């Protein structure tokens, strides 16, 4: 039976230090570029790993908030947010050029990701900051979000993302990390969650409802404590479902 490829992406370069073990098991990466975490050195390290293991490269810009790891909403002016995103992206793109690797996608991080999913003004500001990349780079966006609609209306190329290691609310928002059931840390449970989204185009919420969702790429957070174990499990089990992560 024909095997199909499933894109598994991972947030990396965030100070955990597990990238050398993760990169052989993923097909896309989202590299912190200085907003919530990351430095020139960590970006270069991750880019070199991506090149070695043939992993698609993504920039992972954030609110400029290292203290809270980019997981708290910030009340920035439009100019302040645009400047921060542009600075993060220009650093990242310059290092991609230095390593001679292509930027494949951009995925916002944390609170910024969640905020632009539901706030039209903020989403518009974010797209303004990324306007120079819209013809050449994919934008990872959540299903059914405001940023998905606005990105398409403004000529951006998108890939819709779902989270294999996070639980969902009925409105398809992610369960807050403040809640004990926010994360899915067991590999078998992640596989069930992932296969339902991939094969059935639906996600089972924390209330037990099956809600429609369609995605092109699925995230495992690099800072989830069991990220490596999850990815090893998926790499072993997905082929039994005619799915491969890497070519």
Protein backbone atom coordinates (compact mmCIF):
# COMPACT_ATOMS: atom_id res chain seq x y z
CA UNK A 1 0.00 0.00 0.00
CA UNK A 2 1.24 3.49 -0.85
CA UNK A 3 2.77 5.43 2.02
CA UNK A 4 1.81 9.09 2.47
CA UNK A 5 3.91 11.80 4.06
CA UNK A 6 2.65 13.71 7.08
CA UNK A 7 4.39 16.94 8.03
CA UNK A 8 5.42 16.99 11.68
CA UNK A 9 6.83 20.34 12.80
CA UNK A 10 8.60 21.19 16.03
CA UNK A 11 9.35 24.43 17.87
CA UNK A 12 13.09 24.49 18.56
CA UNK A 13 15.97 26.77 19.52
CA UNK A 14 14.21 27.69 22.74
CA UNK A 15 16.92 26.67 25.20
CA UNK A 16 15.86 23.09 25.85
CA UNK A 17 18.92 21.64 24.14
CA UNK A 18 17.29 18.54 22.63
CA UNK A 19 17.50 19.55 18.97
CA UNK A 20 20.14 17.02 17.92
CA UNK A 21 17.79 14.23 18.98
CA UNK A 22 14.61 15.79 17.56
CA UNK A 23 15.74 16.77 14.06
CA UNK A 24 16.13 13.21 12.70
CA UNK A 25 12.47 12.61 13.61
CA UNK A 26 10.73 15.70 12.16
CA UNK A 27 10.10 17.18 8.73
CA UNK A 28 9.69 20.90 9.59
CA UNK A 29 11.11 23.12 12.32
CA UNK A 30 10.18 26.49 13.77
CA UNK A 31 13.28 28.21 15.11
CA UNK A 32 13.03 30.88 17.81
CA UNK A 33 14.51 34.09 16.42
CA UNK A 34 15.09 36.30 19.43
CA UNK A 35 11.65 37.45 20.54
CA UNK A 36 10.83 34.91 23.25
CA UNK A 37 14.02 32.89 23.05
CA UNK A 38 16.98 32.26 20.80
CA UNK A 39 20.21 33.92 19.79
CA UNK A 40 22.35 34.16 16.69
CA UNK A 41 24.26 31.11 17.90
CA UNK A 42 21.19 28.98 18.58
CA UNK A 43 19.64 29.93 15.24
CA UNK A 44 22.79 28.94 13.35
CA UNK A 45 22.99 25.67 15.29
CA UNK A 46 19.40 24.78 14.37
CA UNK A 47 19.81 25.85 10.75
CA UNK A 48 22.84 23.59 10.40
CA UNK A 49 20.90 20.67 11.87
CA UNK A 50 18.02 21.39 9.49
CA UNK A 51 20.40 21.27 6.57
CA UNK A 52 21.98 18.04 7.79
CA UNK A 53 18.66 16.24 8.32
CA UNK A 54 16.74 17.77 5.38
CA UNK A 55 14.21 19.53 7.61
CA UNK A 56 12.16 22.45 6.24
CA UNK A 57 13.16 25.69 7.97
CA UNK A 58 10.69 28.04 9.62
CA UNK A 59 11.12 31.27 11.55
CA UNK A 60 9.29 31.44 14.89
CA UNK A 61 8.80 35.14 15.73
CA UNK A 62 7.12 36.22 18.93
CA UNK A 63 6.18 39.12 21.09
CA UNK A 64 9.48 40.60 22.34
CA UNK A 65 9.07 39.06 25.80
CA UNK A 66 11.83 36.72 26.90
CA UNK A 67 10.81 37.06 30.54
CA UNK A 68 7.47 35.31 29.92
CA UNK A 69 8.71 33.13 27.04
CA UNK A 70 6.30 34.92 24.70
CA UNK A 71 3.31 33.30 26.37
CA UNK A 72 1.70 36.49 27.70
CA UNK A 73 -0.19 38.95 25.47
CA UNK A 74 1.48 42.35 25.12
CA UNK A 75 -0.13 45.72 24.51
CA UNK A 76 2.24 47.05 21.86
CA UNK A 77 1.57 49.78 19.35
CA UNK A 78 1.31 48.72 15.71
CA UNK A 79 4.69 50.30 14.98
CA UNK A 80 6.33 48.56 17.93
CA UNK A 81 5.05 45.14 16.92
CA UNK A 82 5.96 45.63 13.26
CA UNK A 83 9.48 46.75 14.20
CA UNK A 84 10.00 43.77 16.49
CA UNK A 85 8.77 41.22 13.95
CA UNK A 86 10.88 42.77 11.19
CA UNK A 87 13.99 42.75 13.38
CA UNK A 88 13.48 39.09 14.27
CA UNK A 89 12.87 38.14 10.65
CA UNK A 90 15.79 40.12 9.24
CA UNK A 91 18.17 38.42 11.69
CA UNK A 92 16.77 35.04 10.77
CA UNK A 93 16.84 35.56 7.03
CA UNK A 94 20.41 36.87 7.14
CA UNK A 95 21.50 33.71 8.95
CA UNK A 96 19.62 31.51 6.47
CA UNK A 97 21.61 33.21 3.73
CA UNK A 98 24.83 32.66 5.65
CA UNK A 99 24.11 28.93 6.04
CA UNK A 100 22.77 28.75 2.47
CA UNK A 101 19.40 27.28 3.38
CA UNK A 102 15.96 28.34 2.18
CA UNK A 103 13.34 29.82 4.49
CA UNK A 104 10.25 27.66 3.98
CA UNK A 105 7.74 29.12 6.43
CA UNK A 106 6.94 31.51 9.26
CA UNK A 107 5.03 30.43 12.35
CA UNK A 108 4.28 32.93 15.12
CA UNK A 109 4.83 31.80 18.69
CA UNK A 110 2.78 31.55 21.84
CA UNK A 111 0.53 34.43 22.79
CA UNK A 112 1.09 36.15 19.45
CA UNK A 113 -0.06 33.02 17.60
CA UNK A 114 -3.20 32.83 19.73
CA UNK A 115 -3.92 36.58 19.59
CA UNK A 116 -3.74 36.94 15.81
CA UNK A 117 -6.06 33.95 15.48
CA UNK A 118 -8.91 36.02 16.92
CA UNK A 119 -7.95 39.73 16.73
CA UNK A 120 -8.37 41.24 13.25
CA UNK A 121 -6.42 44.44 13.96
CA UNK A 122 -3.49 42.51 15.40
CA UNK A 123 -3.56 39.97 12.58
CA UNK A 124 -3.49 42.79 10.02
CA UNK A 125 -0.51 44.35 11.79
CA UNK A 126 1.33 41.03 11.81
CA UNK A 127 0.76 40.52 8.08
CA UNK A 128 1.97 44.07 7.41
CA UNK A 129 5.22 43.20 9.16
CA UNK A 130 5.63 40.12 6.93
CA UNK A 131 4.55 41.66 3.63
CA UNK A 132 7.96 41.26 1.99
CA UNK A 133 7.82 37.47 2.47
CA UNK A 134 4.33 36.74 1.21
CA UNK A 135 5.30 35.70 -2.32
CA UNK A 136 8.03 33.27 -1.30
CA UNK A 137 7.30 31.90 2.18
CA UNK A 138 4.48 29.85 3.69
CA UNK A 139 2.66 31.09 6.79
CA UNK A 140 1.59 28.47 9.34
CA UNK A 141 -1.88 29.39 10.68
CA UNK A 142 -4.56 27.70 12.82
CA UNK A 143 -7.69 26.32 11.18
CA UNK A 144 -10.69 28.62 10.97
CA UNK A 145 -8.78 31.59 12.36
CA UNK A 146 -8.91 35.27 11.49
CA UNK A 147 -5.25 35.15 10.46
CA UNK A 148 -6.03 32.31 8.03
CA UNK A 149 -8.76 34.35 6.32
CA UNK A 150 -6.77 37.60 6.21
CA UNK A 151 -3.61 35.89 4.97
CA UNK A 152 -5.48 34.39 2.02
CA UNK A 153 -7.24 37.68 1.27
CA UNK A 154 -3.87 39.46 1.21
CA UNK A 155 -2.06 37.04 -1.07
CA UNK A 156 -0.08 35.02 1.46
CA UNK A 157 0.56 31.33 0.95
CA UNK A 158 -0.55 29.32 3.96
CA UNK A 159 -0.34 25.90 5.52
CA UNK A 160 -2.91 25.15 8.18
CA UNK A 161 -1.51 23.81 11.44
CA UNK A 162 -2.96 21.61 14.17
CA UNK A 163 -1.37 20.57 17.46
CA UNK A 164 -0.74 16.90 18.10
CA UNK A 165 0.38 17.43 21.70
CA UNK A 166 -2.25 19.95 22.82
CA UNK A 167 -5.89 19.60 23.79
CA UNK A 168 -8.58 21.75 22.16
CA UNK A 169 -11.61 23.64 23.41
CA UNK A 170 -14.93 23.60 21.54
CA UNK A 171 -14.06 26.84 19.69
CA UNK A 172 -10.80 25.23 18.50
CA UNK A 173 -8.72 27.39 20.81
CA UNK A 174 -6.02 25.51 22.70
CA UNK A 175 -6.66 24.61 26.32
CA UNK A 176 -4.70 27.09 28.44
CA UNK A 177 -1.34 25.93 29.67
CA UNK A 178 -2.56 26.93 33.13
CA UNK A 179 -4.87 23.90 33.01
CA UNK A 180 -3.64 20.42 33.94
CA UNK A 181 -5.01 18.90 30.73
CA UNK A 182 -3.44 21.41 28.32
CA UNK A 183 -0.74 19.04 27.13
CA UNK A 184 -0.89 15.51 25.75
CA UNK A 185 2.36 13.90 26.83
CA UNK A 186 1.79 10.19 26.18
CA UNK A 187 2.87 9.00 22.75
CA UNK A 188 -0.07 6.64 22.29
CA UNK A 189 -2.57 9.40 23.13
CA UNK A 190 -0.79 11.79 20.76
CA UNK A 191 -1.03 9.21 17.98
CA UNK A 192 -4.78 8.77 18.51
CA UNK A 193 -5.26 12.56 18.59
CA UNK A 194 -3.16 13.02 15.45
CA UNK A 195 -4.78 10.24 13.43
CA UNK A 196 -8.27 11.52 14.19
CA UNK A 197 -7.31 14.95 12.84
CA UNK A 198 -5.44 13.59 9.83
CA UNK A 199 -7.83 10.81 8.77
CA UNK A 200 -11.21 12.00 10.04
CA UNK A 201 -10.69 15.79 9.71
CA UNK A 202 -11.96 16.29 13.22
CA UNK A 203 -10.57 16.79 16.72
CA UNK A 204 -11.97 15.46 19.98
CA UNK A 205 -12.24 18.35 22.42
CA UNK A 206 -11.77 18.21 26.18
CA UNK A 207 -15.57 18.07 26.44
CA UNK A 208 -15.67 14.99 24.24
CA UNK A 209 -17.12 16.71 21.16
CA UNK A 210 -15.83 15.95 17.67
CA UNK A 211 -15.23 19.28 15.91
CA UNK A 212 -14.21 19.62 12.22
CA UNK A 213 -10.58 20.57 11.61
CA UNK A 214 -8.42 20.37 8.50
CA UNK A 215 -4.64 20.72 8.67
CA UNK A 216 -1.54 20.37 6.50
CA UNK A 217 1.05 20.24 9.29
CA UNK A 218 1.04 19.02 12.87
CA UNK A 219 3.08 20.39 15.76
CA UNK A 220 4.92 18.69 18.59
CA UNK A 221 6.36 21.31 20.95
CA UNK A 222 10.09 20.89 21.46
CA UNK A 223 9.78 21.98 25.08
CA UNK A 224 7.17 19.36 25.93
CA UNK A 225 9.00 17.20 28.48
CA UNK A 226 8.26 14.01 26.54
CA UNK A 227 8.79 15.46 23.06
CA UNK A 228 11.54 13.01 22.15
CA UNK A 229 9.59 10.00 23.40
CA UNK A 230 6.51 11.17 21.48
CA UNK A 231 8.44 11.60 18.24
CA UNK A 232 10.17 8.23 18.57
CA UNK A 233 6.79 6.60 19.15
CA UNK A 234 5.22 8.36 16.15
CA UNK A 235 8.16 7.44 13.93
CA UNK A 236 7.67 3.79 14.86
CA UNK A 237 3.87 3.69 14.73
CA UNK A 238 2.85 5.98 11.84
CA UNK A 239 4.19 3.59 9.15
CA UNK A 240 1.63 1.02 10.39
CA UNK A 241 -0.98 3.57 9.30
CA UNK A 242 0.75 4.12 5.92
CA UNK A 243 2.21 7.44 7.04
CA UNK A 244 5.82 8.59 6.98
CA UNK A 245 7.31 11.71 8.58
CA UNK A 246 10.50 11.83 6.53
CA UNK A 247 11.27 10.83 2.95
